[in-house]
Amino acid sequence: MDITTVRDIPSNYTFIDLSQDVDSLKDHLGKEADEYSSFFVLVGDGDYDAIYGMYGTVPHLNKTVYKIL
């Protein structure tokens, strides 16, 4: 399944937009995540199975998301 917008994100993903959580995730991911303001994450067995970044913090359904992991 191609995920390109918020509308495409399955319901089992978690939306991360709180600044301390965003900063922690950016620290974990490194430079490739610096430009994003919020994330959708899929957590597996103690680690991330998938991460999508988004510009801004309001997840309108037609907003573009970008695959990071």
C-alpha atoms as a PDB file:
ATOM      1  CA  MET A   1       0.000   0.000   0.000  1.00  0.00           C
ATOM      2  CA  ASP A   2       1.414   3.385  -0.989  1.00  0.00           C
ATOM      3  CA  ILE A   3       1.195   5.995   1.741  1.00  0.00           C
ATOM      4  CA  THR A   4       1.458   9.530   0.454  1.00  0.00           C
ATOM      5  CA  THR A   5      -1.125  11.511   2.430  1.00  0.00           C
ATOM      6  CA  VAL A   6      -2.521  11.503   5.953  1.00  0.00           C
ATOM      7  CA  ARG A   7      -5.644   9.840   4.525  1.00  0.00           C
ATOM      8  CA  ASP A   8      -3.513   6.795   3.614  1.00  0.00           C
ATOM      9  CA  ILE A   9      -2.093   6.262   7.118  1.00  0.00           C
ATOM     10  CA  PRO A  10      -3.629   3.156   8.734  1.00  0.00           C
ATOM     11  CA  SER A  11      -5.360   3.594  12.086  1.00  0.00           C
ATOM     12  CA  ASN A  12      -2.707   1.549  13.939  1.00  0.00           C
ATOM     13  CA  TYR A  13      -0.121   4.341  13.465  1.00  0.00           C
ATOM     14  CA  THR A  14       0.426   6.863  16.270  1.00  0.00           C
ATOM     15  CA  PHE A  15       0.523  10.591  15.534  1.00  0.00           C
ATOM     16  CA  ILE A  16       3.425  12.352  17.279  1.00  0.00           C
ATOM     17  CA  ASP A  17       3.148  16.141  17.578  1.00  0.00           C
ATOM     18  CA  LEU A  18       4.136  17.058  21.153  1.00  0.00           C
ATOM     19  CA  SER A  19       7.416  18.971  21.037  1.00  0.00           C
ATOM     20  CA  GLN A  20       9.289  16.762  23.512  1.00  0.00           C
ATOM     21  CA  ASP A  21       8.223  13.602  21.667  1.00  0.00           C
ATOM     22  CA  VAL A  22       9.063  15.127  18.275  1.00  0.00           C
ATOM     23  CA  ASP A  23      12.501  16.199  19.550  1.00  0.00           C
ATOM     24  CA  SER A  24      13.154  12.733  20.965  1.00  0.00           C
ATOM     25  CA  LEU A  25      12.195  11.092  17.680  1.00  0.00           C
ATOM     26  CA  LYS A  26      14.392  13.523  15.736  1.00  0.00           C
ATOM     27  CA  ASP A  27      17.319  12.644  18.019  1.00  0.00           C
ATOM     28  CA  HIS A  28      16.665   8.964  17.351  1.00  0.00           C
ATOM     29  CA  LEU A  29      16.424   9.398  13.565  1.00  0.00           C
ATOM     30  CA  GLY A  30      19.147  11.963  12.964  1.00  0.00           C
ATOM     31  CA  LYS A  31      19.444  14.604  10.241  1.00  0.00           C
ATOM     32  CA  GLU A  32      16.937  13.067   7.837  1.00  0.00           C
ATOM     33  CA  ALA A  33      14.098  13.929  10.240  1.00  0.00           C
ATOM     34  CA  ASP A  34      15.144  17.481  11.197  1.00  0.00           C
ATOM     35  CA  GLU A  35      12.850  19.228   8.733  1.00  0.00           C
ATOM     36  CA  TYR A  36       9.587  17.628   9.899  1.00  0.00           C
ATOM     37  CA  SER A  37       7.250  19.039  12.545  1.00  0.00           C
ATOM     38  CA  SER A  38       5.292  15.868  13.327  1.00  0.00           C
ATOM     39  CA  PHE A  39       5.362  12.145  12.644  1.00  0.00           C
ATOM     40  CA  PHE A  40       3.197   9.078  12.191  1.00  0.00           C
ATOM     41  CA  VAL A  41       4.873   6.008  13.681  1.00  0.00           C
ATOM     42  CA  LEU A  42       4.163   2.304  13.718  1.00  0.00           C
ATOM     43  CA  VAL A  43       5.724   0.658  16.762  1.00  0.00           C
ATOM     44  CA  GLY A  44       6.670  -2.994  16.644  1.00  0.00           C
ATOM     45  CA  ASP A  45       8.516  -5.128  19.181  1.00  0.00           C
ATOM     46  CA  GLY A  46      10.213  -2.323  21.098  1.00  0.00           C
ATOM     47  CA  ASP A  47      11.244  -0.390  17.991  1.00  0.00           C
ATOM     48  CA  TYR A  48       9.743   1.518  15.085  1.00  0.00           C
ATOM     49  CA  ASP A  49       8.500  -0.532  12.141  1.00  0.00           C
ATOM     50  CA  ALA A  50       7.632   2.530  10.024  1.00  0.00           C
ATOM     51  CA  ILE A  51       7.873   6.310  10.329  1.00  0.00           C
ATOM     52  CA  TYR A  52       6.395   9.056   8.168  1.00  0.00           C
ATOM     53  CA  GLY A  53       7.229  12.735   8.599  1.00  0.00           C
ATOM     54  CA  MET A  54       4.904  15.658   7.989  1.00  0.00           C
ATOM     55  CA  TYR A  55       5.342  19.419   7.740  1.00  0.00           C
ATOM     56  CA  GLY A  56       3.189  21.197  10.303  1.00  0.00           C
ATOM     57  CA  THR A  57       1.199  19.740  13.167  1.00  0.00           C
ATOM     58  CA  VAL A  58      -2.369  19.681  11.842  1.00  0.00           C
ATOM     59  CA  PRO A  59      -2.982  16.334  10.101  1.00  0.00           C
ATOM     60  CA  HIS A  60      -5.455  17.369   7.401  1.00  0.00           C
ATOM     61  CA  LEU A  61      -6.412  14.316   5.343  1.00  0.00           C
ATOM     62  CA  ASN A  62      -4.922  15.664   2.100  1.00  0.00           C
ATOM     63  CA  LYS A  63      -1.548  16.629   3.648  1.00  0.00           C
ATOM     64  CA  THR A  64       1.500  14.913   2.210  1.00  0.00           C
ATOM     65  CA  VAL A  65       3.560  12.586   4.394  1.00  0.00           C
ATOM     66  CA  TYR A  66       7.105  11.444   3.673  1.00  0.00           C
ATOM     67  CA  LYS A  67       8.508   7.981   4.388  1.00  0.00           C
ATOM     68  CA  ILE A  68      11.542   8.073   6.673  1.00  0.00           C
ATOM     69  CA  LEU A  69      11.693   4.453   7.808  1.00  0.00           C
END
